[in-house]
Amino acid sequence: MGNTDDGRWHWDSSLYSGSAAYYARGRAAYPAALIDLLVADLGLDGRGRLLDIGCGPGSLTLPLASHVGHAVGVDADRQMLAEGERQARRASVVNVEWIHRRAEDLSGELGRFNVATMAQSFHWMDRDRVAGLFHGLLVSGGVVAFVHATTHEGVVGTVPLPHPRPPRPQIDALVADYLGERRRAGSGYRNIDVVSEDERGRLEARIIQAAGFTGPTRREIPGWVENRTVDDVVASVFSLSYAAPHLFGQLAGQFEHDLRQLLSRVSPIGKFSEQMREIAVDLWRA
């Protein structure tokens, strides 16, 4: 699940336990502009094979599936994959294969892929190992797209919006009241990254280059306004690794009650708006 107290990387299967359905609802859907960009820049023409690593409930897998012949979503969380399968049935998407596996255990038995995607997931992985593994799964000249996005909440700002912004600082304070100031992560605690976002980006670029990729080509999608209901905001909170339902234990119901009370005070009609952050995409060629 990333670096924890002992400073070493290890996976914790409880990281998002109970969060899958909340993740599917609480995270803002990727905008059509992002899908259009990926289709164009990856040259998707309804054929070929797509590998989505750390796919979660199929947030990116499913909207891209109709643009390839076959898509494979890989994730270490069984509940996320089950939610992805449910969403696929609901949308009548039949060309996606869901595989329960850690990215660190990718192997050649999956076959070769024309394109791969990784959205908001690389930081949870043993990046050196994973970069080398998925380079070997791409055909020569294949492309991997790293999608850098924040979909659980919007940015702080003063731009007028149709409805009140969700009170994110107060929500974080409420989570801390129940779980403590130090953010949880699975069965342990999450260390706050001491490097800046730019520094982390440079580190990851070096890792990807060392694995044999060339690039990147960076593309960006402007931010947008996301309108949410109370249920959407509640789901966005439970979609977080540090506020996953299992962390609250028997107090989960009381926490949700207090959260809904907070939201009702901010927006009595139960509607919220957020200005979402722009999305950056780095394209690397094998």
Protein backbone atom coordinates (compact mmCIF):
# COMPACT_ATOMS: atom_id res chain seq x y z
CA MET A 1 0.00 0.00 0.00
CA GLY A 2 3.03 2.26 -0.06
CA ASN A 3 5.51 3.25 2.61
CA THR A 4 4.26 2.96 6.17
CA ASP A 5 5.79 3.04 9.63
CA ASP A 6 8.63 0.65 8.90
CA GLY A 7 9.66 2.61 5.79
CA ARG A 8 9.24 -0.43 3.59
CA TRP A 9 6.69 -1.03 0.87
CA HIS A 10 4.02 -3.64 1.44
CA TRP A 11 0.45 -4.24 0.31
CA ASP A 12 -2.41 -4.14 2.80
CA SER A 13 -5.56 -5.79 1.50
CA SER A 14 -7.71 -3.77 3.93
CA LEU A 15 -6.65 -0.45 2.39
CA TYR A 16 -10.00 0.25 0.71
CA SER A 17 -12.06 -2.38 2.51
CA GLY A 18 -15.75 -1.53 2.19
CA SER A 19 -15.08 1.46 -0.06
CA ALA A 20 -15.77 0.06 -3.54
CA ALA A 21 -19.40 1.14 -3.98
CA TYR A 22 -18.63 4.49 -2.35
CA TYR A 23 -15.65 4.93 -4.68
CA ALA A 24 -17.80 4.35 -7.75
CA ARG A 25 -20.30 6.98 -6.60
CA GLY A 26 -18.20 9.43 -4.63
CA ARG A 27 -15.39 9.99 -7.10
CA ALA A 28 -16.24 12.39 -9.91
CA ALA A 29 -16.48 10.62 -13.26
CA TYR A 30 -13.69 11.35 -15.68
CA PRO A 31 -14.93 14.02 -18.10
CA ALA A 32 -15.66 13.22 -21.72
CA ALA A 33 -12.81 15.54 -22.72
CA LEU A 34 -10.32 13.19 -21.05
CA ILE A 35 -11.74 10.12 -22.78
CA ASP A 36 -11.67 11.93 -26.14
CA LEU A 37 -8.05 12.96 -25.56
CA LEU A 38 -6.98 9.41 -24.69
CA VAL A 39 -8.82 7.93 -27.65
CA ALA A 40 -7.09 10.36 -30.01
CA ASP A 41 -3.61 10.32 -28.51
CA LEU A 42 -3.53 6.56 -27.94
CA GLY A 43 -4.89 5.93 -31.42
CA LEU A 44 -7.78 3.80 -30.18
CA ASP A 45 -9.84 2.55 -33.12
CA GLY A 46 -12.02 -0.18 -31.67
CA ARG A 47 -9.30 -2.80 -32.00
CA GLY A 48 -6.26 -3.76 -29.96
CA ARG A 49 -5.87 -4.54 -26.26
CA LEU A 50 -5.95 -2.18 -23.27
CA LEU A 51 -4.45 -2.88 -19.83
CA ASP A 52 -5.71 -0.70 -16.96
CA ILE A 53 -3.46 -1.20 -13.93
CA GLY A 54 -4.94 -0.41 -10.53
CA CYS A 55 -8.31 -0.13 -12.23
CA GLY A 56 -10.44 0.15 -9.10
CA PRO A 57 -14.14 -0.12 -10.01
CA GLY A 58 -13.38 0.55 -13.67
CA SER A 59 -13.56 4.35 -13.55
CA LEU A 60 -11.31 4.59 -16.62
CA THR A 61 -11.53 1.01 -17.90
CA LEU A 62 -15.22 1.18 -18.72
CA PRO A 63 -15.37 4.45 -20.69
CA LEU A 64 -12.37 3.30 -22.76
CA ALA A 65 -13.63 -0.24 -23.34
CA SER A 66 -15.82 0.69 -26.30
CA HIS A 67 -12.75 2.06 -28.08
CA VAL A 68 -10.71 -1.16 -27.97
CA GLY A 69 -11.26 -4.78 -28.92
CA HIS A 70 -10.48 -6.13 -25.46
CA ALA A 71 -9.78 -4.45 -22.12
CA VAL A 72 -8.21 -5.95 -19.01
CA GLY A 73 -8.65 -4.31 -15.61
CA VAL A 74 -6.20 -5.40 -12.92
CA ASP A 75 -6.57 -4.55 -9.24
CA ALA A 76 -5.47 -5.99 -5.90
CA ASP A 77 -8.86 -5.33 -4.26
CA ARG A 78 -11.55 -7.96 -4.91
CA GLN A 79 -14.34 -5.62 -3.83
CA MET A 80 -13.26 -3.00 -6.37
CA LEU A 81 -13.26 -5.61 -9.13
CA ALA A 82 -16.70 -6.86 -8.11
CA GLU A 83 -17.99 -3.30 -8.29
CA GLY A 84 -16.37 -2.92 -11.71
CA GLU A 85 -18.14 -6.06 -12.92
CA ARG A 86 -21.43 -4.70 -11.58
CA GLN A 87 -20.92 -1.39 -13.34
CA ALA A 88 -20.01 -3.20 -16.57
CA ARG A 89 -23.22 -5.26 -16.47
CA ARG A 90 -25.20 -2.13 -15.78
CA ALA A 91 -23.67 -0.42 -18.82
CA SER A 92 -23.83 -3.58 -20.99
CA VAL A 93 -20.05 -3.57 -21.45
CA VAL A 94 -18.98 -7.10 -22.37
CA ASN A 95 -15.36 -6.81 -23.54
CA VAL A 96 -13.67 -6.25 -20.17
CA GLU A 97 -11.80 -8.97 -18.28
CA TRP A 98 -11.32 -8.33 -14.55
CA ILE A 99 -8.23 -9.82 -12.91
CA HIS A 100 -7.52 -9.90 -9.19
CA ARG A 101 -3.79 -9.35 -8.93
CA ARG A 102 -1.28 -6.96 -7.49
CA ALA A 103 0.50 -4.88 -10.10
CA GLU A 104 3.77 -6.26 -8.74
CA ASP A 105 2.66 -9.73 -9.87
CA LEU A 106 1.88 -8.90 -13.50
CA SER A 107 3.12 -11.61 -15.84
CA GLY A 108 3.38 -12.47 -19.51
CA GLU A 109 0.40 -14.83 -19.31
CA LEU A 110 -1.79 -11.76 -19.74
CA GLY A 111 -0.46 -11.39 -23.28
CA ARG A 112 0.73 -8.21 -24.96
CA PHE A 113 -1.08 -4.90 -25.03
CA ASN A 114 -1.15 -1.95 -27.39
CA VAL A 115 -1.89 0.57 -24.65
CA ALA A 116 -1.88 0.70 -20.87
CA THR A 117 -3.37 3.18 -18.43
CA MET A 118 -2.69 3.98 -14.82
CA ALA A 119 -4.92 6.53 -13.11
CA GLN A 120 -4.29 7.72 -9.55
CA SER A 121 -2.67 4.41 -8.61
CA PHE A 122 1.11 4.43 -9.24
CA HIS A 123 1.86 5.91 -5.80
CA TRP A 124 0.38 2.82 -4.10
CA MET A 125 2.80 0.48 -5.88
CA ASP A 126 6.39 -0.68 -5.84
CA ARG A 127 7.04 1.71 -8.70
CA ASP A 128 10.44 0.43 -9.83
CA ARG A 129 9.17 -3.13 -10.11
CA VAL A 130 5.84 -2.26 -11.71
CA ALA A 131 7.33 0.04 -14.36
CA GLY A 132 9.61 -2.73 -15.56
CA LEU A 133 6.84 -5.31 -15.57
CA PHE A 134 4.33 -3.38 -17.62
CA HIS A 135 7.00 -2.26 -20.09
CA GLY A 136 7.39 -5.95 -20.90
CA LEU A 137 3.65 -6.32 -21.48
CA LEU A 138 3.43 -3.62 -24.15
CA VAL A 139 4.07 -4.22 -27.82
CA SER A 140 6.97 -2.32 -29.35
CA GLY A 141 5.84 1.28 -29.70
CA GLY A 142 2.97 0.75 -27.28
CA VAL A 143 1.95 3.65 -25.07
CA VAL A 144 1.18 3.93 -21.38
CA ALA A 145 -0.88 6.87 -20.13
CA PHE A 146 -0.43 8.05 -16.55
CA VAL A 147 -3.50 10.04 -15.52
CA HIS A 148 -2.92 12.53 -12.70
CA ALA A 149 -6.25 13.60 -11.26
CA THR A 150 -8.04 14.43 -8.03
CA THR A 151 -11.62 13.22 -8.23
CA HIS A 152 -12.76 12.95 -4.61
CA GLU A 153 -12.81 16.70 -3.97
CA GLY A 154 -12.44 20.04 -5.69
CA VAL A 155 -10.00 22.88 -5.22
CA VAL A 156 -10.25 25.69 -2.71
CA GLY A 157 -11.37 28.92 -4.32
CA THR A 158 -13.69 31.88 -4.35
CA VAL A 159 -15.15 31.49 -7.84
CA PRO A 160 -18.96 31.57 -7.57
CA LEU A 161 -20.57 28.14 -7.96
CA PRO A 162 -24.20 27.07 -8.36
CA HIS A 163 -24.33 25.56 -4.86
CA PRO A 164 -22.26 25.69 -1.65
CA ARG A 165 -18.93 23.89 -1.62
CA PRO A 166 -18.72 20.79 0.57
CA PRO A 167 -17.06 21.84 3.84
CA ARG A 168 -13.94 19.74 3.29
CA PRO A 169 -11.86 21.16 6.20
CA GLN A 170 -14.71 20.50 8.64
CA ILE A 171 -15.17 17.01 7.17
CA ASP A 172 -11.48 16.25 7.72
CA ALA A 173 -11.80 17.53 11.29
CA LEU A 174 -14.79 15.25 11.86
CA VAL A 175 -12.83 12.26 10.55
CA ALA A 176 -9.99 13.18 12.91
CA ASP A 177 -12.43 13.38 15.83
CA TYR A 178 -13.33 9.75 15.22
CA LEU A 179 -10.03 8.28 14.01
CA GLY A 180 -7.36 10.59 15.39
CA GLU A 181 -5.18 13.25 13.80
CA ARG A 182 -2.80 10.79 12.18
CA ARG A 183 -4.25 9.50 8.95
CA ARG A 184 -5.00 5.80 8.80
CA ALA A 185 -4.19 3.53 5.87
CA GLY A 186 -5.47 -0.03 5.98
CA SER A 187 -4.35 -1.66 9.22
CA GLY A 188 -1.67 0.96 9.82
CA TYR A 189 -0.98 4.62 9.26
CA ARG A 190 -0.09 6.59 6.18
CA ASN A 191 3.12 8.59 6.19
CA ILE A 192 2.69 12.02 4.65
CA ASP A 193 4.89 12.46 1.58
CA VAL A 194 7.69 14.83 2.51
CA VAL A 195 8.52 15.57 -1.14
CA SER A 196 6.60 18.07 -3.22
CA GLU A 197 4.32 17.04 -6.05
CA ASP A 198 6.93 18.27 -8.55
CA GLU A 199 9.69 16.28 -6.85
CA ARG A 200 7.58 13.15 -6.84
CA GLY A 201 6.83 13.68 -10.51
CA ARG A 202 10.53 13.92 -11.32
CA LEU A 203 11.25 10.78 -9.29
CA GLU A 204 8.55 8.82 -11.08
CA ALA A 205 9.76 10.10 -14.46
CA ARG A 206 13.24 8.75 -13.72
CA ILE A 207 11.74 5.40 -12.73
CA ILE A 208 9.70 5.17 -15.93
CA GLN A 209 12.65 6.18 -18.11
CA ALA A 210 14.86 3.61 -16.38
CA ALA A 211 12.29 0.95 -17.29
CA GLY A 212 12.85 1.70 -20.98
CA PHE A 213 10.11 4.18 -21.83
CA THR A 214 10.65 7.37 -23.82
CA GLY A 215 8.80 10.61 -23.21
CA PRO A 216 6.74 11.93 -21.74
CA THR A 217 4.31 13.91 -23.81
CA ARG A 218 2.15 15.88 -21.38
CA ARG A 219 -1.44 16.78 -22.11
CA GLU A 220 -3.90 18.62 -19.87
CA ILE A 221 -7.67 18.81 -19.49
CA PRO A 222 -9.16 21.93 -17.87
CA GLY A 223 -11.00 21.67 -14.59
CA TRP A 224 -14.78 21.59 -14.48
CA VAL A 225 -17.65 22.17 -12.08
CA GLU A 226 -19.03 19.03 -10.45
CA ASN A 227 -22.48 19.17 -8.84
CA ARG A 228 -23.04 16.75 -5.97
CA THR A 229 -25.80 15.54 -3.68
CA VAL A 230 -25.42 14.77 0.02
CA ASP A 231 -25.12 11.07 -0.83
CA ASP A 232 -22.35 11.87 -3.32
CA VAL A 233 -20.36 13.82 -0.74
CA VAL A 234 -20.81 11.10 1.89
CA ALA A 235 -19.60 8.55 -0.65
CA SER A 236 -16.59 10.71 -1.51
CA VAL A 237 -15.53 10.61 2.14
CA PHE A 238 -15.96 6.85 2.52
CA SER A 239 -14.02 6.38 -0.74
CA LEU A 240 -10.83 7.60 0.94
CA SER A 241 -8.28 5.13 2.27
CA TYR A 242 -7.99 7.14 5.50
CA ALA A 243 -11.78 7.21 5.98
CA ALA A 244 -12.73 3.76 4.68
CA PRO A 245 -15.84 2.38 6.42
CA HIS A 246 -14.02 -0.43 8.23
CA LEU A 247 -11.84 2.07 10.10
CA PHE A 248 -14.84 3.37 12.05
CA GLY A 249 -15.94 -0.05 13.24
CA GLN A 250 -19.18 0.12 15.22
CA LEU A 251 -19.09 3.92 15.06
CA ALA A 252 -19.52 4.03 11.26
CA GLY A 253 -23.25 4.74 11.54
CA GLN A 254 -22.75 7.51 14.08
CA PHE A 255 -20.01 9.07 11.97
CA GLU A 256 -22.24 9.07 8.91
CA HIS A 257 -25.06 10.64 10.94
CA ASP A 258 -22.75 13.42 12.13
CA LEU A 259 -21.41 13.91 8.61
CA ARG A 260 -24.91 14.28 7.18
CA GLN A 261 -25.80 16.74 9.93
CA LEU A 262 -22.76 18.83 9.03
CA LEU A 263 -23.67 18.78 5.34
CA SER A 264 -27.30 19.74 6.04
CA ARG A 265 -26.15 22.81 7.95
CA VAL A 266 -24.04 23.95 5.00
CA SER A 267 -26.64 23.21 2.32
CA PRO A 268 -30.19 22.77 3.65
CA ILE A 269 -31.40 21.76 0.17
CA GLY A 270 -28.74 19.04 -0.06
CA LYS A 271 -26.92 20.26 -3.15
CA PHE A 272 -23.22 21.07 -3.49
CA SER A 273 -20.81 22.18 -6.20
CA GLU A 274 -17.06 21.84 -6.52
CA GLN A 275 -14.51 23.26 -8.92
CA MET A 276 -12.49 20.22 -9.91
CA ARG A 277 -8.76 20.38 -10.55
CA GLU A 278 -7.36 20.12 -14.06
CA ILE A 279 -6.24 16.65 -15.18
CA ALA A 280 -2.73 16.01 -16.49
CA VAL A 281 -1.84 13.02 -18.66
CA ASP A 282 1.72 11.83 -19.28
CA LEU A 283 2.14 9.61 -22.33
CA TRP A 284 5.17 7.30 -22.40
CA ARG A 285 6.14 5.09 -25.33
CA ALA A 286 7.70 1.64 -24.97
